[in-house]
Amino acid sequence: GLKDLGNEVETLVIYQNVLPKNINKLDLTQFNAIVFTSPSTAINFKKIYKEVPLGIEMITRGEETAKVFKDAKA
């Protein structure tokens, strides 16, 4: 729509959600809870750790984020 009005439009990439290549895995037994703020944080966590260890509270922000873990149990 902006171009149609005669404006010059340029697309800029200002953020990329990419899993780093060299991950230093943490000892998760040192944590009481893990907070997942988006589906991508949950997906990336599962790629690295597979599952949240027993005894650690899992907090998800929003239904789509929680669904990442629910779908794995189905």
Protein backbone atom coordinates (compact mmCIF):
# COMPACT_ATOMS: atom_id res chain seq x y z
CA GLY A 1 0.00 0.00 0.00
CA LEU A 2 2.84 2.43 0.78
CA LYS A 3 4.46 1.80 -2.62
CA ASP A 4 1.10 2.40 -4.31
CA LEU A 5 1.07 5.83 -2.70
CA GLY A 6 4.47 6.63 -4.24
CA ASN A 7 6.62 5.87 -1.20
CA GLU A 8 9.98 4.11 -1.38
CA VAL A 9 9.89 0.97 0.78
CA GLU A 10 12.91 -1.05 1.89
CA THR A 11 12.76 -4.27 3.90
CA LEU A 12 15.26 -4.49 6.76
CA VAL A 13 16.00 -7.62 8.77
CA ILE A 14 16.42 -6.44 12.35
CA TYR A 15 15.91 -9.71 14.18
CA GLN A 16 16.45 -13.35 13.33
CA ASN A 17 15.31 -16.14 15.56
CA VAL A 18 18.09 -18.67 15.01
CA LEU A 19 19.43 -21.39 17.27
CA PRO A 20 23.18 -20.78 17.87
CA LYS A 21 25.57 -23.42 16.54
CA ASN A 22 27.67 -23.80 19.70
CA ILE A 23 25.38 -24.35 22.68
CA ASN A 24 26.77 -24.73 26.18
CA LYS A 25 24.25 -26.99 27.87
CA LEU A 26 23.40 -26.01 31.44
CA ASP A 27 22.93 -28.30 34.40
CA LEU A 28 19.17 -27.98 34.66
CA THR A 29 19.10 -29.47 38.17
CA GLN A 30 20.31 -26.07 39.39
CA PHE A 31 16.97 -24.45 38.45
CA ASN A 32 13.59 -24.44 40.18
CA ALA A 33 11.66 -23.30 37.11
CA ILE A 34 12.08 -22.61 33.41
CA VAL A 35 10.06 -19.88 31.67
CA PHE A 36 9.21 -20.27 27.99
CA THR A 37 8.20 -16.93 26.50
CA SER A 38 7.37 -18.06 22.95
CA PRO A 39 6.85 -21.21 20.91
CA SER A 40 10.34 -20.86 19.43
CA THR A 41 11.95 -20.90 22.89
CA ALA A 42 10.07 -24.11 23.69
CA ILE A 43 10.96 -25.71 20.34
CA ASN A 44 14.64 -24.82 20.71
CA PHE A 45 14.70 -26.07 24.30
CA LYS A 46 13.28 -29.41 23.14
CA LYS A 47 15.91 -29.63 20.37
CA ILE A 48 18.67 -29.27 22.95
CA TYR A 49 17.33 -30.92 26.13
CA LYS A 50 14.44 -33.06 24.79
CA GLU A 51 12.25 -32.51 27.90
CA VAL A 52 11.98 -30.55 31.13
CA PRO A 53 13.41 -32.69 33.97
CA LEU A 54 11.06 -33.85 36.71
CA GLY A 55 10.84 -31.49 39.67
CA ILE A 56 11.42 -28.34 37.61
CA GLU A 57 8.41 -26.09 37.18
CA MET A 58 7.63 -25.27 33.57
CA ILE A 59 6.03 -21.87 32.97
CA THR A 60 4.70 -21.05 29.53
CA ARG A 61 3.49 -17.72 28.31
CA GLY A 62 0.43 -18.22 26.18
CA GLU A 63 -1.45 -21.18 24.75
CA GLU A 64 0.69 -21.51 21.60
CA THR A 65 3.82 -21.88 23.73
CA ALA A 66 2.16 -24.44 26.02
CA LYS A 67 0.92 -26.34 22.95
CA VAL A 68 4.52 -27.11 21.94
CA PHE A 69 4.81 -29.33 25.02
CA LYS A 70 1.24 -30.68 24.89
CA ASP A 71 1.68 -31.83 21.29
CA ALA A 72 4.77 -33.84 22.26
CA LYS A 73 2.75 -35.82 24.81
CA ALA A 74 -0.01 -36.71 22.35
